[in-house]
Amino acid sequence: MQIKKFIWITAQKELIHQYPGAPSDVDFLRHPHRHLFKFRIKISVNDDNREIEFIMFKRFVETVLLKFDNLEHKSCEMLSNELHELISDRYTNRSMEIEVSEDGENGSYIIYEAEK
């Protein structure tokens, strides 16, 4: 039996963004607007006893999120990809699952597989 182990944390950050190419039915999204972006990040671990400690990982992610100020035109998917890249600089060759939502209502979910 193959077992994949993950830990997960949540975080949130208030950010401003806009969607310049928004369809006419939601053209209000073309203008800068605020969201409370919510994150749920799962990262693979190799043992059963806090190889990556929850609180330390959460603190690291919150530090990374400080780098995000004004998203401009970035989507949830773009934010997820950027977040994955920054986390991978420290935690190399790890599978991750990153969920990014706008106000906990709508969002993206991306699975990043570790290199074999």
Protein backbone atom coordinates (compact mmCIF):
# COMPACT_ATOMS: atom_id res chain seq x y z
CA MET A 1 0.00 0.00 0.00
CA GLN A 2 1.30 3.45 -0.91
CA ILE A 3 0.71 6.17 1.67
CA LYS A 4 1.17 9.89 1.02
CA LYS A 5 1.46 12.04 4.14
CA PHE A 6 0.72 15.76 4.32
CA ILE A 7 0.35 18.43 6.92
CA TRP A 8 -1.76 21.53 6.26
CA ILE A 9 -2.13 25.06 7.49
CA THR A 10 -4.47 27.94 6.79
CA ALA A 11 -3.73 31.64 6.45
CA GLN A 12 -5.46 34.74 5.15
CA LYS A 13 -4.55 38.17 3.85
CA GLU A 14 -6.51 41.19 2.71
CA LEU A 15 -5.47 42.19 -0.80
CA ILE A 16 -6.62 44.39 -3.67
CA HIS A 17 -6.83 43.06 -7.21
CA GLN A 18 -8.70 43.53 -10.46
CA TYR A 19 -9.62 41.54 -13.57
CA PRO A 20 -9.08 43.84 -16.57
CA GLY A 21 -10.48 41.30 -19.05
CA ALA A 22 -13.63 40.54 -17.08
CA PRO A 23 -16.70 39.65 -19.21
CA SER A 24 -19.32 42.38 -19.52
CA ASP A 25 -21.70 40.60 -17.13
CA VAL A 26 -19.17 41.16 -14.35
CA ASP A 27 -17.46 44.29 -15.65
CA PHE A 28 -17.26 45.69 -12.10
CA LEU A 29 -14.36 43.24 -11.57
CA ARG A 30 -12.29 45.32 -14.00
CA HIS A 31 -11.81 47.89 -11.24
CA PRO A 32 -9.59 47.45 -8.16
CA HIS A 33 -11.52 45.73 -5.39
CA ARG A 34 -10.77 44.15 -2.03
CA HIS A 35 -10.94 40.51 -1.02
CA LEU A 36 -9.93 38.58 2.05
CA PHE A 37 -7.87 35.89 0.34
CA LYS A 38 -7.88 32.62 2.26
CA PHE A 39 -5.22 29.96 1.83
CA ARG A 40 -5.08 26.27 2.69
CA ILE A 41 -1.69 24.75 2.00
CA LYS A 42 -0.87 21.07 2.24
CA ILE A 43 2.76 19.97 2.04
CA SER A 44 4.11 16.43 1.93
CA VAL A 45 6.04 14.98 4.86
CA ASN A 46 8.03 11.79 5.17
CA ASP A 47 7.47 10.76 8.80
CA ASP A 48 4.79 10.65 11.48
CA ASN A 49 6.25 13.09 13.97
CA ARG A 50 6.25 16.68 12.80
CA GLU A 51 9.01 16.58 10.23
CA ILE A 52 7.61 20.01 9.37
CA GLU A 53 6.08 21.56 12.49
CA PHE A 54 2.65 23.13 11.90
CA ILE A 55 3.21 26.43 13.68
CA MET A 56 6.65 26.98 12.18
CA PHE A 57 5.31 26.26 8.68
CA LYS A 58 2.37 28.63 9.20
CA ARG A 59 4.71 31.39 10.40
CA PHE A 60 6.89 30.87 7.34
CA VAL A 61 3.89 31.06 4.99
CA GLU A 62 2.64 34.22 6.72
CA THR A 63 6.09 35.77 6.18
CA VAL A 64 5.92 34.80 2.50
CA LEU A 65 2.46 36.38 2.23
CA LEU A 66 3.93 39.70 3.39
CA LYS A 67 5.58 39.86 -0.05
CA PHE A 68 2.13 40.14 -1.62
CA ASP A 69 0.96 43.72 -1.46
CA ASN A 70 -1.22 44.67 -4.39
CA LEU A 71 -2.10 41.78 -6.70
CA GLU A 72 -3.07 44.04 -9.61
CA HIS A 73 -4.42 41.59 -12.22
CA LYS A 74 -3.34 38.30 -10.58
CA SER A 75 -5.89 35.49 -10.30
CA CYS A 76 -6.15 32.91 -7.51
CA GLU A 77 -4.27 30.49 -9.78
CA MET A 78 -1.45 32.97 -10.38
CA LEU A 79 -1.20 33.67 -6.66
CA SER A 80 -1.09 29.91 -5.96
CA ASN A 81 1.74 29.40 -8.47
CA GLU A 82 3.76 32.25 -7.01
CA LEU A 83 3.19 30.98 -3.47
CA HIS A 84 4.24 27.46 -4.51
CA GLU A 85 7.47 28.80 -5.99
CA LEU A 86 8.36 30.75 -2.85
CA ILE A 87 7.58 27.84 -0.51
CA SER A 88 9.55 25.44 -2.74
CA ASP A 89 12.65 27.61 -2.36
CA ARG A 90 12.75 26.55 1.30
CA TYR A 91 10.98 23.18 1.24
CA THR A 92 12.47 21.52 -1.82
CA ASN A 93 11.03 18.59 -3.75
CA ARG A 94 7.72 18.43 -1.85
CA SER A 95 4.28 17.71 -3.17
CA MET A 96 1.85 20.49 -2.31
CA GLU A 97 -1.80 21.24 -2.64
CA ILE A 98 -2.73 24.91 -2.51
CA GLU A 99 -6.23 26.30 -2.26
CA VAL A 100 -6.71 30.06 -2.68
CA SER A 101 -10.15 31.61 -2.27
CA GLU A 102 -11.67 35.05 -2.45
CA ASP A 103 -13.47 35.58 0.85
CA GLY A 104 -13.80 31.80 1.37
CA GLU A 105 -16.46 31.76 -1.36
CA ASN A 106 -14.81 31.02 -4.74
CA GLY A 107 -11.28 30.06 -5.62
CA SER A 108 -8.75 27.68 -7.09
CA TYR A 109 -7.21 24.38 -6.04
CA ILE A 110 -3.92 23.22 -7.55
CA ILE A 111 -1.96 20.02 -6.91
CA TYR A 112 1.82 20.26 -7.36
CA GLU A 113 3.55 16.87 -7.55
CA ALA A 114 7.13 16.52 -6.32
CA GLU A 115 9.79 15.47 -8.80
CA LYS A 116 10.45 11.75 -8.70
